[in-house]
Amino acid sequence: MIYEFCTGRGAQHPLAFLGGKGPPYAEPAWRGTLLTDQYAAYNAVLDARAFPERHAAACAAHARRKFDEISRGGPSASEVATEALQRFARIYHAEGSLTEMDAGQRREARQRLTRPLWDELQVWLGLQRGLVLDNTKTAQAIDYSLKAWPALTRHLDNGEVAIDNNLIEQQIKPWKLGAKNWLFVGSELAGQRAAVVMSLVQSAKLCRVEPWAYLRDVLARIHTHPNSRIDELLPHRWQPGGGARTD
């Protein structure tokens, strides 16, 4: 997992992060499927004219959240929102049975199990949109999903793509909560260093490595470790006391 420190929320930051590096570096621009919410800064990153090998995938949890916010309005809550949540619940219930599958199996199962549910949801949302008034929260919630439909259903054709970015948000949450207490990192350089530490800590957790044991060991021997083999100290290859994993 990689955290990147940025001084703002503009499109120039993800563009630079995914843009690759020219000579003397041999790092090409990133290509693949990018799962995001519908924050406008990602439009430039996913511009098909500039980056034809990039594809947008939208987060189903964000689409669902629009209806959830309406449903919390008490007795006046929209019946459309209530049913939309029920339809999303059926989709997530089916998706939950696919977690242990590999990408190929998951894609095949999605075609059988969840694509029909998504198709029904699209038709239903289209019908409801013709019945609700413009500029209402219900209309905005429906438009949020329908306008992003190709991206919202991208995961159906790619078993490696998640249905939402909840996992990433969970990884970010500890730092967001901490930021309320830290308030400032001190400087841009300090922010960049904090991002490196966060990347190592969270990567260690994802690799089921105890972060403190990992950092203590690496810091004790990094000054004598050959620079040409520095990748051996990354969390996914690290072994206590020396050596590296080969899996």
Protein backbone atom coordinates (compact mmCIF):
# COMPACT_ATOMS: atom_id res chain seq x y z
CA MET A 1 0.00 0.00 0.00
CA ILE A 2 1.27 3.45 -0.94
CA TYR A 3 0.30 6.74 0.67
CA GLU A 4 1.13 9.94 -1.17
CA PHE A 5 1.41 13.30 0.58
CA CYS A 6 -0.16 16.16 -1.38
CA THR A 7 -0.56 19.83 -0.60
CA GLY A 8 -4.06 20.01 -2.03
CA ARG A 9 -6.89 18.06 -3.68
CA GLY A 10 -6.39 19.21 -7.25
CA ALA A 11 -6.11 16.92 -10.28
CA GLN A 12 -2.43 17.74 -10.70
CA HIS A 13 -1.56 15.48 -7.76
CA PRO A 14 -3.05 12.17 -8.98
CA LEU A 15 -1.92 13.07 -12.50
CA ALA A 16 1.67 13.37 -11.28
CA PHE A 17 1.44 10.28 -9.08
CA LEU A 18 0.18 8.04 -11.90
CA GLY A 19 1.91 9.82 -14.74
CA GLY A 20 5.14 7.82 -14.76
CA LYS A 21 8.64 9.19 -15.10
CA GLY A 22 10.64 9.89 -18.22
CA PRO A 23 14.40 9.53 -18.74
CA PRO A 24 16.59 8.73 -16.91
CA TYR A 25 13.85 6.65 -15.23
CA ALA A 26 12.18 3.79 -17.04
CA GLU A 27 8.83 4.10 -15.30
CA PRO A 28 5.86 4.27 -17.69
CA ALA A 29 2.56 5.98 -16.96
CA TRP A 30 0.22 3.80 -14.93
CA ARG A 31 -2.44 1.85 -16.78
CA GLY A 32 -5.28 -0.30 -15.52
CA THR A 33 -8.61 0.12 -13.75
CA LEU A 34 -8.85 2.88 -11.14
CA LEU A 35 -11.56 2.51 -8.50
CA THR A 36 -12.68 5.86 -7.11
CA ASP A 37 -15.62 7.87 -5.90
CA GLN A 38 -16.86 10.48 -8.36
CA TYR A 39 -14.60 13.29 -7.15
CA ALA A 40 -14.02 15.57 -10.14
CA ALA A 41 -10.23 15.61 -9.81
CA TYR A 42 -10.11 12.07 -11.20
CA ASN A 43 -11.71 13.10 -14.50
CA ALA A 44 -8.37 14.27 -15.89
CA VAL A 45 -6.62 11.15 -14.62
CA LEU A 46 -9.11 8.92 -16.44
CA ASP A 47 -9.47 10.97 -19.63
CA ALA A 48 -9.79 8.28 -22.32
CA ARG A 49 -8.28 10.54 -24.97
CA ALA A 50 -5.09 11.07 -23.00
CA PHE A 51 -4.97 7.68 -21.30
CA PRO A 52 -6.73 5.05 -23.45
CA GLU A 53 -5.33 2.21 -21.32
CA ARG A 54 -6.96 3.48 -18.14
CA HIS A 55 -10.48 2.53 -17.11
CA ALA A 56 -12.77 4.00 -14.47
CA ALA A 57 -14.52 1.92 -11.84
CA ALA A 58 -16.96 3.66 -9.50
CA CYS A 59 -17.56 2.79 -5.85
CA ALA A 60 -20.92 1.11 -5.18
CA ALA A 61 -20.74 2.10 -1.51
CA HIS A 62 -20.75 5.79 -2.46
CA ALA A 63 -23.77 5.26 -4.72
CA ARG A 64 -25.58 3.39 -1.95
CA ARG A 65 -24.65 6.08 0.58
CA LYS A 66 -26.66 8.69 -1.32
CA PHE A 67 -29.85 6.70 -0.66
CA ASP A 68 -28.82 5.89 2.90
CA GLU A 69 -28.54 9.60 3.70
CA ILE A 70 -32.09 10.13 2.43
CA SER A 71 -33.44 7.17 4.41
CA ARG A 72 -32.21 8.75 7.65
CA GLY A 73 -34.67 11.61 7.18
CA GLY A 74 -37.27 10.03 9.42
CA PRO A 75 -40.96 9.58 8.47
CA SER A 76 -40.52 11.81 5.43
CA ALA A 77 -37.78 9.60 3.98
CA SER A 78 -38.27 8.66 0.34
CA GLU A 79 -39.76 5.24 -0.38
CA VAL A 80 -37.48 5.16 -3.39
CA ALA A 81 -34.46 5.38 -1.09
CA THR A 82 -35.78 2.53 1.06
CA GLU A 83 -36.23 0.22 -1.90
CA ALA A 84 -32.90 1.26 -3.41
CA LEU A 85 -31.18 0.20 -0.18
CA GLN A 86 -32.96 -3.14 -0.31
CA ARG A 87 -31.76 -3.67 -3.87
CA PHE A 88 -28.18 -2.77 -2.93
CA ALA A 89 -28.46 -5.17 0.02
CA ARG A 90 -29.29 -8.03 -2.35
CA ILE A 91 -26.31 -7.15 -4.52
CA TYR A 92 -23.95 -7.02 -1.54
CA HIS A 93 -25.34 -10.26 -0.14
CA ALA A 94 -24.55 -12.02 -3.42
CA GLU A 95 -21.14 -10.34 -3.65
CA GLY A 96 -20.29 -11.50 -0.14
CA SER A 97 -20.31 -15.13 -1.27
CA LEU A 98 -17.55 -14.46 -3.79
CA THR A 99 -14.77 -13.29 -1.49
CA GLU A 100 -12.79 -16.55 -1.46
CA MET A 101 -12.84 -16.98 -5.25
CA ASP A 102 -10.00 -16.16 -7.60
CA ALA A 103 -10.49 -13.42 -10.20
CA GLY A 104 -11.70 -15.74 -12.94
CA GLN A 105 -14.19 -17.51 -10.73
CA ARG A 106 -15.44 -14.22 -9.33
CA ARG A 107 -16.04 -12.78 -12.78
CA GLU A 108 -18.00 -15.85 -13.85
CA ALA A 109 -20.06 -15.82 -10.65
CA ARG A 110 -20.80 -12.11 -11.02
CA GLN A 111 -22.14 -12.70 -14.51
CA ARG A 112 -24.55 -15.31 -13.13
CA LEU A 113 -25.45 -13.85 -9.75
CA THR A 114 -25.02 -10.10 -9.59
CA ARG A 115 -25.26 -8.83 -13.17
CA PRO A 116 -29.02 -9.59 -13.29
CA LEU A 117 -29.44 -7.64 -10.03
CA TRP A 118 -27.53 -4.67 -11.45
CA ASP A 119 -29.55 -4.78 -14.67
CA GLU A 120 -32.78 -4.75 -12.67
CA LEU A 121 -31.51 -1.88 -10.56
CA GLN A 122 -30.65 0.18 -13.63
CA VAL A 123 -34.11 -0.31 -15.15
CA TRP A 124 -35.81 0.46 -11.85
CA LEU A 125 -33.74 3.61 -11.24
CA GLY A 126 -34.58 4.83 -14.74
CA LEU A 127 -38.29 4.37 -14.11
CA GLN A 128 -38.12 6.11 -10.73
CA ARG A 129 -36.18 9.02 -12.18
CA GLY A 130 -39.13 9.79 -14.44
CA LEU A 131 -41.42 9.99 -11.41
CA VAL A 132 -39.44 12.23 -9.04
CA LEU A 133 -38.98 15.98 -9.24
CA ASP A 134 -35.73 17.48 -10.47
CA ASN A 135 -33.35 19.02 -7.92
CA THR A 136 -34.61 16.79 -5.09
CA LYS A 137 -32.24 14.65 -3.06
CA THR A 138 -33.87 11.52 -4.48
CA ALA A 139 -33.30 12.73 -8.04
CA GLN A 140 -29.69 13.58 -7.21
CA ALA A 141 -29.12 10.13 -5.70
CA ILE A 142 -30.54 8.42 -8.78
CA ASP A 143 -28.54 10.63 -11.15
CA TYR A 144 -25.35 9.90 -9.20
CA SER A 145 -25.69 6.20 -10.07
CA LEU A 146 -27.11 6.41 -13.58
CA LYS A 147 -24.56 8.94 -14.85
CA ALA A 148 -21.71 6.67 -13.71
CA TRP A 149 -23.29 3.36 -14.68
CA PRO A 150 -20.49 1.98 -16.91
CA ALA A 151 -17.94 2.70 -14.19
CA LEU A 152 -20.28 1.55 -11.42
CA THR A 153 -20.63 -1.87 -13.07
CA ARG A 154 -17.03 -2.18 -14.28
CA HIS A 155 -16.31 -4.83 -11.65
CA LEU A 156 -18.78 -7.21 -13.30
CA ASP A 157 -16.36 -7.79 -16.19
CA ASN A 158 -13.18 -7.90 -14.12
CA GLY A 159 -12.90 -10.20 -11.13
CA GLU A 160 -9.87 -8.31 -9.84
CA VAL A 161 -11.87 -5.10 -9.38
CA ALA A 162 -13.66 -4.64 -6.06
CA ILE A 163 -17.29 -3.59 -5.87
CA ASP A 164 -16.32 -0.59 -3.74
CA ASN A 165 -13.31 1.10 -2.16
CA ASN A 166 -14.32 0.42 1.44
CA LEU A 167 -11.10 -1.48 2.12
CA ILE A 168 -9.00 1.52 1.10
CA GLU A 169 -11.12 3.88 3.17
CA GLN A 170 -10.61 1.62 6.18
CA GLN A 171 -6.85 1.81 5.62
CA ILE A 172 -7.01 5.60 5.46
CA LYS A 173 -9.31 6.05 8.46
CA PRO A 174 -6.64 5.75 11.22
CA TRP A 175 -4.62 8.56 9.67
CA LYS A 176 -7.69 10.73 9.11
CA LEU A 177 -8.66 10.34 12.75
CA GLY A 178 -5.11 11.02 13.84
CA ALA A 179 -4.92 14.14 11.71
CA LYS A 180 -7.55 15.75 13.91
CA ASN A 181 -5.11 15.42 16.80
CA TRP A 182 -1.89 16.06 14.89
CA LEU A 183 -3.43 18.99 12.98
CA PHE A 184 -0.17 19.80 11.19
CA VAL A 185 2.75 17.67 9.99
CA GLY A 186 5.15 20.61 10.30
CA SER A 187 6.32 20.92 6.70
CA GLU A 188 5.93 19.38 3.26
CA LEU A 189 9.04 17.28 3.83
CA ALA A 190 7.61 16.01 7.12
CA GLY A 191 4.37 15.14 5.31
CA GLN A 192 6.28 13.18 2.68
CA ARG A 193 8.16 11.28 5.38
CA ALA A 194 4.93 10.57 7.25
CA ALA A 195 3.46 9.12 4.05
CA VAL A 196 6.46 6.78 3.74
CA VAL A 197 6.04 5.57 7.32
CA MET A 198 2.30 5.10 6.85
CA SER A 199 2.96 3.12 3.66
CA LEU A 200 5.36 0.79 5.45
CA VAL A 201 3.11 0.30 8.48
CA GLN A 202 -0.05 -0.45 6.51
CA SER A 203 1.81 -2.64 4.02
CA ALA A 204 3.20 -4.65 6.92
CA LYS A 205 -0.31 -5.14 8.29
CA LEU A 206 -1.59 -6.29 4.90
CA CYS A 207 1.27 -8.81 4.77
CA ARG A 208 0.38 -9.98 8.29
CA VAL A 209 3.68 -8.67 9.64
CA GLU A 210 3.76 -7.02 13.07
CA PRO A 211 4.69 -3.39 12.21
CA TRP A 212 6.79 -2.65 15.28
CA ALA A 213 8.84 -5.85 14.92
CA TYR A 214 9.32 -5.06 11.23
CA LEU A 215 10.44 -1.44 11.74
CA ARG A 216 12.71 -2.29 14.67
CA ASP A 217 14.49 -4.98 12.69
CA VAL A 218 14.81 -2.97 9.48
CA LEU A 219 16.07 0.17 11.21
CA ALA A 220 18.70 -1.88 13.08
CA ARG A 221 20.28 -3.28 9.92
CA ILE A 222 19.42 -0.92 7.09
CA HIS A 223 22.75 0.94 7.38
CA THR A 224 24.69 -2.23 6.52
CA HIS A 225 22.25 -3.67 4.00
CA PRO A 226 23.39 -3.45 0.34
CA ASN A 227 21.53 -0.72 -1.51
CA SER A 228 21.22 -2.98 -4.54
CA ARG A 229 19.10 -5.37 -2.45
CA ILE A 230 17.00 -2.79 -0.64
CA ASP A 231 13.81 -4.41 -1.94
CA GLU A 232 14.50 -7.32 0.41
CA LEU A 233 13.49 -5.02 3.27
CA LEU A 234 10.04 -4.25 1.89
CA PRO A 235 7.23 -5.72 4.02
CA HIS A 236 6.14 -8.34 1.47
CA ARG A 237 9.70 -9.75 1.24
CA TRP A 238 11.05 -9.12 4.72
CA GLN A 239 12.32 -11.91 6.95
CA PRO A 240 13.42 -11.25 10.57
CA GLY A 241 17.19 -11.06 10.98
CA GLY A 242 18.06 -11.25 7.27
CA GLY A 243 17.12 -12.92 4.05
CA ALA A 244 13.97 -12.29 2.05
CA ARG A 245 10.79 -14.08 1.14
CA THR A 246 10.68 -15.42 -2.38
CA ASP A 247 6.93 -16.07 -2.60
